[in-house]
Amino acid sequence: MFQAALVTSHHNPILKTCAQRLQTAGKPHKVIVTAVARKLVTIANALCKSRQKGLLSQIEKYSC
């Protein structure tokens, strides 16, 4: 999960802004990656629950 969150925090435009917001707030790196991992789990759970594919427009509903 850590590796997926690390990659996502650098390459996903929506979760990247969330990670940058936490970084400017002075949060440690592990806290930022953990928060992104938690967002990924929330997004995956919501997409499975609604039985839809992971479209970027749907991910925006569950971001920061």
C-alpha atoms as a PDB file:
ATOM      1  CA  MET A   1       0.000   0.000   0.000  1.00  0.00           C
ATOM      2  CA  PHE A   2       2.896   2.320   0.824  1.00  0.00           C
ATOM      3  CA  GLN A   3       4.399   1.940  -2.655  1.00  0.00           C
ATOM      4  CA  ALA A   4       1.067   2.555  -4.388  1.00  0.00           C
ATOM      5  CA  ALA A   5       0.451   5.653  -2.279  1.00  0.00           C
ATOM      6  CA  LEU A   6       3.955   6.925  -2.949  1.00  0.00           C
ATOM      7  CA  VAL A   7       3.532   6.631  -6.714  1.00  0.00           C
ATOM      8  CA  THR A   8       0.025   8.076  -6.598  1.00  0.00           C
ATOM      9  CA  SER A   9       1.107  11.093  -4.578  1.00  0.00           C
ATOM     10  CA  HIS A  10       3.557  11.958  -7.341  1.00  0.00           C
ATOM     11  CA  HIS A  11       1.577  11.123 -10.484  1.00  0.00           C
ATOM     12  CA  ASN A  12      -2.174  11.406  -9.811  1.00  0.00           C
ATOM     13  CA  PRO A  13      -3.131  15.074 -10.302  1.00  0.00           C
ATOM     14  CA  ILE A  14      -5.943  14.994  -7.744  1.00  0.00           C
ATOM     15  CA  LEU A  15      -4.126  13.212  -4.946  1.00  0.00           C
ATOM     16  CA  LYS A  16      -0.936  15.104  -5.770  1.00  0.00           C
ATOM     17  CA  THR A  17      -2.625  18.355  -4.753  1.00  0.00           C
ATOM     18  CA  CYS A  18      -3.745  16.719  -1.524  1.00  0.00           C
ATOM     19  CA  ALA A  19      -0.175  15.607  -0.810  1.00  0.00           C
ATOM     20  CA  GLN A  20       1.181  19.061  -1.629  1.00  0.00           C
ATOM     21  CA  ARG A  21      -1.360  20.669   0.698  1.00  0.00           C
ATOM     22  CA  LEU A  22      -0.205  18.426   3.540  1.00  0.00           C
ATOM     23  CA  GLN A  23       3.434  19.138   2.701  1.00  0.00           C
ATOM     24  CA  THR A  24       2.918  22.893   2.860  1.00  0.00           C
ATOM     25  CA  ALA A  25       1.223  22.386   6.224  1.00  0.00           C
ATOM     26  CA  GLY A  26       4.507  20.917   7.458  1.00  0.00           C
ATOM     27  CA  LYS A  27       3.433  17.291   7.838  1.00  0.00           C
ATOM     28  CA  PRO A  28       6.123  14.577   7.845  1.00  0.00           C
ATOM     29  CA  HIS A  29       6.602  12.431   4.743  1.00  0.00           C
ATOM     30  CA  LYS A  30       5.163   9.260   6.317  1.00  0.00           C
ATOM     31  CA  VAL A  31       2.028  11.133   7.388  1.00  0.00           C
ATOM     32  CA  ILE A  32       1.533  12.390   3.833  1.00  0.00           C
ATOM     33  CA  VAL A  33       1.959   8.933   2.282  1.00  0.00           C
ATOM     34  CA  THR A  34      -0.325   7.382   4.900  1.00  0.00           C
ATOM     35  CA  ALA A  35      -3.022   9.979   4.172  1.00  0.00           C
ATOM     36  CA  VAL A  36      -2.771   9.295   0.434  1.00  0.00           C
ATOM     37  CA  ALA A  37      -2.951   5.537   1.085  1.00  0.00           C
ATOM     38  CA  ARG A  38      -6.074   6.053   3.151  1.00  0.00           C
ATOM     39  CA  LYS A  39      -7.611   8.119   0.338  1.00  0.00           C
ATOM     40  CA  LEU A  40      -6.778   5.321  -2.119  1.00  0.00           C
ATOM     41  CA  VAL A  41      -8.540   2.763   0.056  1.00  0.00           C
ATOM     42  CA  THR A  42     -11.561   5.069   0.374  1.00  0.00           C
ATOM     43  CA  ILE A  43     -11.692   5.633  -3.387  1.00  0.00           C
ATOM     44  CA  ALA A  44     -11.312   1.912  -4.153  1.00  0.00           C
ATOM     45  CA  ASN A  45     -14.009   1.022  -1.645  1.00  0.00           C
ATOM     46  CA  ALA A  46     -16.423   3.608  -3.049  1.00  0.00           C
ATOM     47  CA  LEU A  47     -15.801   2.479  -6.628  1.00  0.00           C
ATOM     48  CA  CYS A  48     -16.341  -1.179  -5.688  1.00  0.00           C
ATOM     49  CA  LYS A  49     -19.472  -0.292  -3.780  1.00  0.00           C
ATOM     50  CA  SER A  50     -20.934   1.599  -6.731  1.00  0.00           C
ATOM     51  CA  ARG A  51     -19.629  -1.046  -9.198  1.00  0.00           C
ATOM     52  CA  GLN A  52     -18.137   1.543 -11.525  1.00  0.00           C
ATOM     53  CA  LYS A  53     -14.787   1.757 -13.223  1.00  0.00           C
ATOM     54  CA  GLY A  54     -12.169   4.197 -11.951  1.00  0.00           C
ATOM     55  CA  LEU A  55     -12.762   7.277 -14.000  1.00  0.00           C
ATOM     56  CA  LEU A  56     -10.977  10.486 -13.141  1.00  0.00           C
ATOM     57  CA  SER A  57     -14.241  12.405 -12.773  1.00  0.00           C
ATOM     58  CA  GLN A  58     -15.469   9.920 -10.175  1.00  0.00           C
ATOM     59  CA  ILE A  59     -12.228  10.060  -8.204  1.00  0.00           C
ATOM     60  CA  GLU A  60     -12.617  13.828  -7.822  1.00  0.00           C
ATOM     61  CA  LYS A  61     -15.697  13.253  -5.645  1.00  0.00           C
ATOM     62  CA  TYR A  62     -13.621  11.429  -3.051  1.00  0.00           C
ATOM     63  CA  SER A  63     -10.511  13.616  -3.012  1.00  0.00           C
ATOM     64  CA  CYS A  64      -9.468  16.287  -0.516  1.00  0.00           C
END
